[in-house]
Amino acid sequence: MDTPRQLAVLLLPPCSMFGIGCLSEPFVQANRLSGKRLYQLSFYTWDGEPLPLSGGMVFPVAGALREAAPFEQLFVLSEGVASFADSGLFTSELGRLAPRLTLLGGVHAGAWWLASAGVLDGYRATIHWQDYPRFADRFPKVVASQRVFELDRDRFSCGGALAVLDGALALIGRDHGAELVESVAAVLCAERVRGSEEKQRVPLLARVGERQPKLTEAVMLMEANIEEPLTTDEIAQFTGQSRRQLERMFKQHLDVPPSRYYLQLRLERARAMLRNTGKSVVQIGLLCGFSSGPHFSTVYRSHFGIAPREERFANETKPADAE
């Protein structure tokens, strides 16, 4: 690429420096590691004024969106949905810009604004898990998902925080391949790069409420002990309850016994590693608490309907825009 790809980022309050960095830093590092100006990022606000951030800082911008230099791709970044005086004009502008862009993206809650403009109708799109229920209800013409990010033709959307990093890496990978993505991820100390097929992880607290601290504690113990799983009796002891109390609590709130929930956690971790690391099947099985490769393969096939090696092969040969 002789000239950098021009990326415009429209910032709508509320925003944080963390959210801006998760979107911008992968592109900055892609430029640095490739030794080329692959991407040129420019930041704007609707009125051209510097943006007050949630942490109290002020973020300088290049100006108002209407004054922006020509750009190929536009990302709307906001960490909440807050109406403003020119909301109607803004959504009209999105509708006008959409046909000429190679990519239009909504970051964190940014997809809400794209959906409001009608430019996500018929597209797969995601949004931060906290906004998902009302997003799906408010915009029935959008194919709403709870994945970490969605890249559907010329539309991009992602959840918040680290999901933004995953989405940005996916865009770089689409443009310049997996090798550069791996290098960028390594520099950013990303333990693994999540693919678009992975769902956002809704915190347990959000599902069961604050009145179940022992359940949250039990699940945290499980998540912290994947390689060497604890027994149900040990989890009950560490959380200060009997085995029967623990089992009753899991059945009531999660509709599975603790042993089954624990197994599902380990298998989901294994599937993510199969899809996103180069570790062998045997290594992954051992890292996820299985006693041997054959045991891991048997349990994996029983749960997912596919062997670990088949899972890896299917993921490697899947087209970039496949489900």
Protein backbone atom coordinates (compact mmCIF):
# COMPACT_ATOMS: atom_id res chain seq x y z
CA MET A 1 0.00 0.00 0.00
CA ASP A 2 1.62 3.22 -1.23
CA THR A 3 -0.59 5.60 0.70
CA PRO A 4 -1.96 5.02 4.19
CA ARG A 5 -5.55 4.02 4.66
CA GLN A 6 -7.40 7.04 6.00
CA LEU A 7 -9.36 6.22 9.15
CA ALA A 8 -11.61 8.80 10.80
CA VAL A 9 -12.75 8.27 14.38
CA LEU A 10 -15.74 10.28 15.59
CA LEU A 11 -15.79 10.57 19.37
CA LEU A 12 -19.13 11.02 21.10
CA PRO A 13 -19.30 11.43 24.88
CA PRO A 14 -18.92 9.56 27.09
CA CYS A 15 -15.45 8.30 26.12
CA SER A 16 -12.35 7.25 28.03
CA MET A 17 -8.68 7.31 27.13
CA PHE A 18 -8.66 3.53 27.58
CA GLY A 19 -11.39 3.06 24.99
CA ILE A 20 -9.66 5.36 22.51
CA GLY A 21 -6.35 3.58 23.06
CA CYS A 22 -7.83 0.10 22.51
CA LEU A 23 -9.00 1.24 19.07
CA SER A 24 -6.03 3.34 17.99
CA GLU A 25 -2.97 1.57 19.41
CA PRO A 26 -3.17 -1.59 17.24
CA PHE A 27 -3.07 0.58 14.11
CA VAL A 28 -0.19 2.64 15.52
CA GLN A 29 1.78 -0.53 16.23
CA ALA A 30 0.95 -1.97 12.80
CA ASN A 31 2.59 1.09 11.26
CA ARG A 32 5.63 0.81 13.49
CA LEU A 33 6.19 -2.93 13.10
CA SER A 34 5.68 -2.93 9.34
CA GLY A 35 7.96 0.04 8.85
CA LYS A 36 5.24 1.60 6.68
CA ARG A 37 2.42 4.10 7.12
CA LEU A 38 -0.35 1.59 6.64
CA TYR A 39 -2.94 3.64 8.52
CA GLN A 40 -3.57 7.32 9.20
CA LEU A 41 -5.95 7.93 12.11
CA SER A 42 -7.67 11.27 12.62
CA PHE A 43 -10.02 12.05 15.51
CA TYR A 44 -13.06 14.31 15.33
CA THR A 45 -16.02 15.40 17.42
CA TRP A 46 -19.39 16.44 16.04
CA ASP A 47 -18.91 20.12 16.92
CA GLY A 48 -15.12 20.22 16.56
CA GLU A 49 -14.53 20.97 20.22
CA PRO A 50 -11.99 18.97 22.31
CA LEU A 51 -13.63 16.03 24.07
CA PRO A 52 -13.84 15.88 27.89
CA LEU A 53 -12.97 12.31 28.88
CA SER A 54 -14.52 10.30 31.69
CA GLY A 55 -11.29 10.51 33.71
CA GLY A 56 -11.26 14.31 33.71
CA MET A 57 -8.75 14.82 30.88
CA VAL A 58 -9.53 16.58 27.60
CA PHE A 59 -8.77 14.90 24.29
CA PRO A 60 -7.73 17.19 21.40
CA VAL A 61 -9.28 16.54 17.98
CA ALA A 62 -8.63 17.59 14.40
CA GLY A 63 -11.97 19.39 14.18
CA ALA A 64 -15.61 18.72 13.37
CA LEU A 65 -16.64 15.73 11.29
CA ARG A 66 -18.06 17.99 8.57
CA GLU A 67 -14.59 19.57 8.21
CA ALA A 68 -12.78 16.23 7.94
CA ALA A 69 -10.39 15.52 5.12
CA PRO A 70 -11.47 12.70 2.78
CA PHE A 71 -11.42 9.34 4.57
CA GLU A 72 -12.10 5.73 3.57
CA GLN A 73 -13.38 4.38 6.86
CA LEU A 74 -15.30 5.91 9.74
CA PHE A 75 -15.60 4.61 13.30
CA VAL A 76 -18.13 6.03 15.75
CA LEU A 77 -16.79 5.55 19.27
CA SER A 78 -18.89 6.13 22.35
CA GLU A 79 -19.09 4.33 25.68
CA GLY A 80 -22.73 5.17 26.29
CA VAL A 81 -25.83 6.38 24.49
CA ALA A 82 -26.49 10.01 25.30
CA SER A 83 -28.66 12.12 23.02
CA PHE A 84 -27.49 15.61 22.07
CA ALA A 85 -28.97 18.62 20.31
CA ASP A 86 -27.90 17.62 16.80
CA SER A 87 -28.62 13.89 17.08
CA GLY A 88 -30.97 13.98 14.11
CA LEU A 89 -28.49 15.84 11.92
CA PHE A 90 -25.77 13.42 12.95
CA THR A 91 -27.71 10.29 12.01
CA SER A 92 -28.66 11.91 8.69
CA GLU A 93 -24.96 12.56 8.05
CA LEU A 94 -24.15 8.90 8.76
CA GLY A 95 -26.74 7.86 6.20
CA ARG A 96 -25.23 10.23 3.64
CA LEU A 97 -21.66 9.06 4.26
CA ALA A 98 -22.32 5.32 4.39
CA PRO A 99 -22.49 4.58 0.62
CA ARG A 100 -19.09 6.09 -0.12
CA LEU A 101 -17.15 4.41 2.70
CA THR A 102 -15.30 1.11 2.44
CA LEU A 103 -16.10 0.49 6.11
CA LEU A 104 -18.42 2.09 8.67
CA GLY A 105 -17.97 0.98 12.26
CA GLY A 106 -19.62 1.33 15.63
CA VAL A 107 -17.37 0.90 18.67
CA HIS A 108 -18.66 0.06 22.17
CA ALA A 109 -22.05 1.82 22.03
CA GLY A 110 -21.29 3.35 18.64
CA ALA A 111 -23.40 0.71 16.90
CA TRP A 112 -26.47 2.31 18.48
CA TRP A 113 -25.90 5.45 16.41
CA LEU A 114 -25.35 3.45 13.22
CA ALA A 115 -28.56 1.53 13.84
CA SER A 116 -30.40 4.80 14.53
CA ALA A 117 -29.27 6.01 11.10
CA GLY A 118 -30.63 2.84 9.46
CA VAL A 119 -27.23 1.86 8.07
CA LEU A 120 -27.15 -1.45 9.98
CA ASP A 121 -30.48 -2.77 8.66
CA GLY A 122 -29.89 -6.31 7.42
CA TYR A 123 -26.37 -6.45 8.85
CA ARG A 124 -24.99 -8.51 11.72
CA ALA A 125 -23.96 -6.14 14.49
CA THR A 126 -22.95 -6.28 18.12
CA ILE A 127 -22.75 -3.82 20.98
CA HIS A 128 -21.47 -3.83 24.55
CA TRP A 129 -23.31 -6.52 26.51
CA GLN A 130 -24.85 -3.96 28.88
CA ASP A 131 -26.65 -2.29 25.95
CA TYR A 132 -27.51 -5.48 24.06
CA PRO A 133 -31.07 -6.15 25.39
CA ARG A 134 -32.43 -2.72 24.51
CA PHE A 135 -30.39 -2.61 21.29
CA ALA A 136 -31.94 -5.86 20.04
CA ASP A 137 -35.40 -4.68 21.06
CA ARG A 138 -35.05 -1.18 19.64
CA PHE A 139 -33.65 -2.19 16.22
CA PRO A 140 -35.41 -5.34 14.96
CA LYS A 141 -34.06 -4.88 11.41
CA VAL A 142 -30.50 -5.34 12.71
CA VAL A 143 -29.25 -8.91 13.13
CA ALA A 144 -28.09 -8.32 16.69
CA SER A 145 -25.47 -10.63 18.20
CA GLN A 146 -23.56 -10.88 21.46
CA ARG A 147 -20.20 -11.63 19.86
CA VAL A 148 -17.06 -9.70 20.74
CA PHE A 149 -17.11 -8.08 17.31
CA GLU A 150 -18.85 -8.38 13.96
CA LEU A 151 -17.35 -7.72 10.54
CA ASP A 152 -20.16 -8.01 8.01
CA ARG A 153 -19.31 -6.80 4.53
CA ASP A 154 -18.75 -3.03 4.85
CA ARG A 155 -19.97 -2.76 8.46
CA PHE A 156 -17.98 -3.30 11.64
CA SER A 157 -19.13 -3.28 15.27
CA CYS A 158 -17.67 -4.41 18.56
CA GLY A 159 -18.32 -4.48 22.27
CA GLY A 160 -16.32 -2.34 24.66
CA ALA A 161 -12.85 -2.39 26.24
CA LEU A 162 -10.75 -5.38 25.14
CA ALA A 163 -13.31 -6.39 22.52
CA VAL A 164 -12.27 -3.19 20.71
CA LEU A 165 -8.69 -4.46 20.65
CA ASP A 166 -9.84 -7.80 19.21
CA GLY A 167 -11.84 -6.03 16.53
CA ALA A 168 -9.01 -3.72 15.54
CA LEU A 169 -6.63 -6.67 15.23
CA ALA A 170 -9.16 -8.44 13.00
CA LEU A 171 -9.28 -5.43 10.69
CA ILE A 172 -5.50 -5.35 10.47
CA GLY A 173 -5.49 -9.08 9.76
CA ARG A 174 -8.00 -8.65 6.96
CA ASP A 175 -5.81 -5.98 5.38
CA HIS A 176 -2.33 -7.37 5.99
CA GLY A 177 -2.47 -10.96 7.21
CA ALA A 178 -2.01 -13.02 10.36
CA GLU A 179 1.74 -12.51 10.74
CA LEU A 180 1.43 -8.77 11.34
CA VAL A 181 -1.52 -9.35 13.70
CA GLU A 182 0.54 -11.79 15.78
CA SER A 183 3.37 -9.26 16.01
CA VAL A 184 1.02 -6.46 17.08
CA ALA A 185 -0.70 -8.70 19.62
CA ALA A 186 2.67 -9.71 21.09
CA VAL A 187 3.76 -6.08 21.50
CA LEU A 188 0.45 -5.28 23.21
CA CYS A 189 0.87 -8.33 25.49
CA ALA A 190 -2.45 -9.73 24.29
CA GLU A 191 -2.52 -13.27 25.69
CA ARG A 192 -4.68 -14.40 22.78
CA VAL A 193 -6.58 -12.86 19.91
CA ARG A 194 -10.29 -13.59 20.05
CA GLY A 195 -12.09 -14.30 16.80
CA SER A 196 -15.49 -12.94 15.78
CA GLU A 197 -17.15 -16.25 16.63
CA GLU A 198 -16.54 -15.77 20.36
CA LYS A 199 -19.31 -14.31 22.49
CA GLN A 200 -18.89 -11.45 24.92
CA ARG A 201 -18.55 -12.77 28.41
CA VAL A 202 -21.38 -11.41 30.51
CA PRO A 203 -20.15 -11.20 34.12
CA LEU A 204 -21.78 -13.69 36.42
CA LEU A 205 -22.72 -10.86 38.75
CA ALA A 206 -24.84 -9.33 36.01
CA ARG A 207 -26.71 -12.61 35.57
CA VAL A 208 -27.34 -13.64 39.17
CA GLY A 209 -27.19 -10.33 40.99
CA GLU A 210 -25.27 -9.18 44.04
CA ARG A 211 -27.20 -11.44 46.41
CA GLN A 212 -25.20 -14.54 45.43
CA PRO A 213 -21.61 -13.75 46.51
CA LYS A 214 -20.82 -17.41 47.25
CA LEU A 215 -21.80 -18.41 43.71
CA THR A 216 -19.57 -15.69 42.26
CA GLU A 217 -16.73 -16.79 44.55
CA ALA A 218 -17.14 -20.42 43.48
CA VAL A 219 -17.01 -19.55 39.78
CA MET A 220 -13.94 -17.35 40.31
CA LEU A 221 -12.23 -20.30 41.99
CA MET A 222 -13.03 -22.46 38.98
CA GLU A 223 -11.72 -19.89 36.52
CA ALA A 224 -8.48 -19.54 38.50
CA ASN A 225 -7.91 -23.30 38.58
CA ILE A 226 -8.32 -24.56 35.02
CA GLU A 227 -5.08 -26.52 34.66
CA GLU A 228 -5.46 -28.30 38.01
CA PRO A 229 -9.21 -28.44 38.66
CA LEU A 230 -10.53 -28.43 42.20
CA THR A 231 -13.02 -31.02 43.39
CA THR A 232 -16.58 -30.05 44.21
CA ASP A 233 -15.85 -30.76 47.87
CA GLU A 234 -12.83 -28.42 47.78
CA ILE A 235 -14.84 -25.61 46.19
CA ALA A 236 -17.56 -26.05 48.81
CA GLN A 237 -14.97 -25.94 51.59
CA PHE A 238 -13.22 -22.85 50.21
CA THR A 239 -16.54 -21.00 49.90
CA GLY A 240 -17.69 -22.00 53.40
CA GLN A 241 -20.63 -24.23 52.60
CA SER A 242 -21.52 -27.88 52.30
CA ARG A 243 -21.35 -29.79 49.04
CA ARG A 244 -25.14 -30.08 49.03
CA GLN A 245 -25.56 -26.33 49.50
CA LEU A 246 -23.14 -25.66 46.63
CA GLU A 247 -24.92 -28.06 44.29
CA ARG A 248 -28.33 -26.62 45.17
CA MET A 249 -27.07 -23.07 44.52
CA PHE A 250 -25.68 -23.96 41.07
CA LYS A 251 -28.83 -25.82 40.10
CA GLN A 252 -31.07 -22.94 41.21
CA HIS A 253 -29.17 -20.11 39.53
CA LEU A 254 -27.28 -21.71 36.62
CA ASP A 255 -29.39 -24.84 36.05
CA VAL A 256 -26.36 -27.15 36.06
CA PRO A 257 -24.41 -28.97 38.77
CA PRO A 258 -21.05 -27.37 39.67
CA SER A 259 -19.07 -30.20 38.09
CA ARG A 260 -20.80 -29.67 34.76
CA TYR A 261 -20.34 -25.91 34.85
CA TYR A 262 -16.64 -26.40 35.63
CA LEU A 263 -16.25 -28.79 32.70
CA GLN A 264 -17.91 -26.32 30.36
CA LEU A 265 -15.49 -23.59 31.48
CA ARG A 266 -12.51 -25.84 30.77
CA LEU A 267 -13.82 -26.91 27.37
CA GLU A 268 -14.55 -23.32 26.32
CA ARG A 269 -11.00 -22.37 27.29
CA ALA A 270 -9.69 -25.33 25.27
CA ARG A 271 -11.73 -24.33 22.21
CA ALA A 272 -10.38 -20.77 22.36
CA MET A 273 -6.82 -22.11 22.55
CA LEU A 274 -7.39 -24.46 19.61
CA ARG A 275 -8.62 -21.58 17.51
CA ASN A 276 -6.12 -18.94 18.56
CA THR A 277 -2.83 -20.61 19.55
CA GLY A 278 -0.36 -22.99 17.95
CA LYS A 279 -0.17 -25.30 20.97
CA SER A 280 -0.66 -29.01 20.29
CA VAL A 281 -3.91 -30.78 21.14
CA VAL A 282 -2.15 -32.70 23.91
CA GLN A 283 -0.68 -29.50 25.40
CA ILE A 284 -4.08 -27.80 25.36
CA GLY A 285 -5.74 -30.79 26.98
CA LEU A 286 -3.23 -30.80 29.81
CA LEU A 287 -3.45 -27.01 30.26
CA CYS A 288 -7.23 -27.35 30.61
CA GLY A 289 -7.09 -30.04 33.26
CA PHE A 290 -7.48 -33.25 31.25
CA SER A 291 -5.33 -36.23 32.17
CA SER A 292 -4.36 -37.21 28.62
CA GLY A 293 -4.82 -36.36 24.96
CA PRO A 294 -7.28 -39.22 24.28
CA HIS A 295 -9.37 -38.31 27.33
CA PHE A 296 -9.48 -34.68 26.24
CA SER A 297 -10.48 -35.64 22.68
CA THR A 298 -13.26 -37.92 23.88
CA VAL A 299 -14.79 -35.33 26.21
CA TYR A 300 -14.38 -32.54 23.65
CA ARG A 301 -16.14 -34.54 20.93
CA SER A 302 -18.94 -35.48 23.30
CA HIS A 303 -19.55 -31.82 24.22
CA PHE A 304 -19.04 -30.03 20.87
CA GLY A 305 -19.74 -32.85 18.40
CA ILE A 306 -16.32 -32.44 16.78
CA ALA A 307 -12.82 -33.65 17.65
CA PRO A 308 -10.18 -31.09 18.73
CA ARG A 309 -8.09 -31.68 15.60
CA GLU A 310 -11.16 -31.23 13.40
CA GLU A 311 -11.98 -28.02 15.28
CA ARG A 312 -8.55 -26.61 14.51
CA PHE A 313 -8.66 -27.68 10.87
CA ALA A 314 -12.15 -26.21 10.37
CA ASN A 315 -11.05 -22.90 11.91
CA GLU A 316 -7.91 -22.73 9.75
CA THR A 317 -9.81 -23.36 6.51
CA LYS A 318 -12.86 -21.19 7.29
CA PRO A 319 -13.24 -18.15 4.99
CA ALA A 320 -12.62 -14.80 6.70
CA ASP A 321 -16.25 -13.71 6.36
CA ALA A 322 -17.82 -17.05 7.30
CA GLU A 323 -20.08 -17.54 10.27
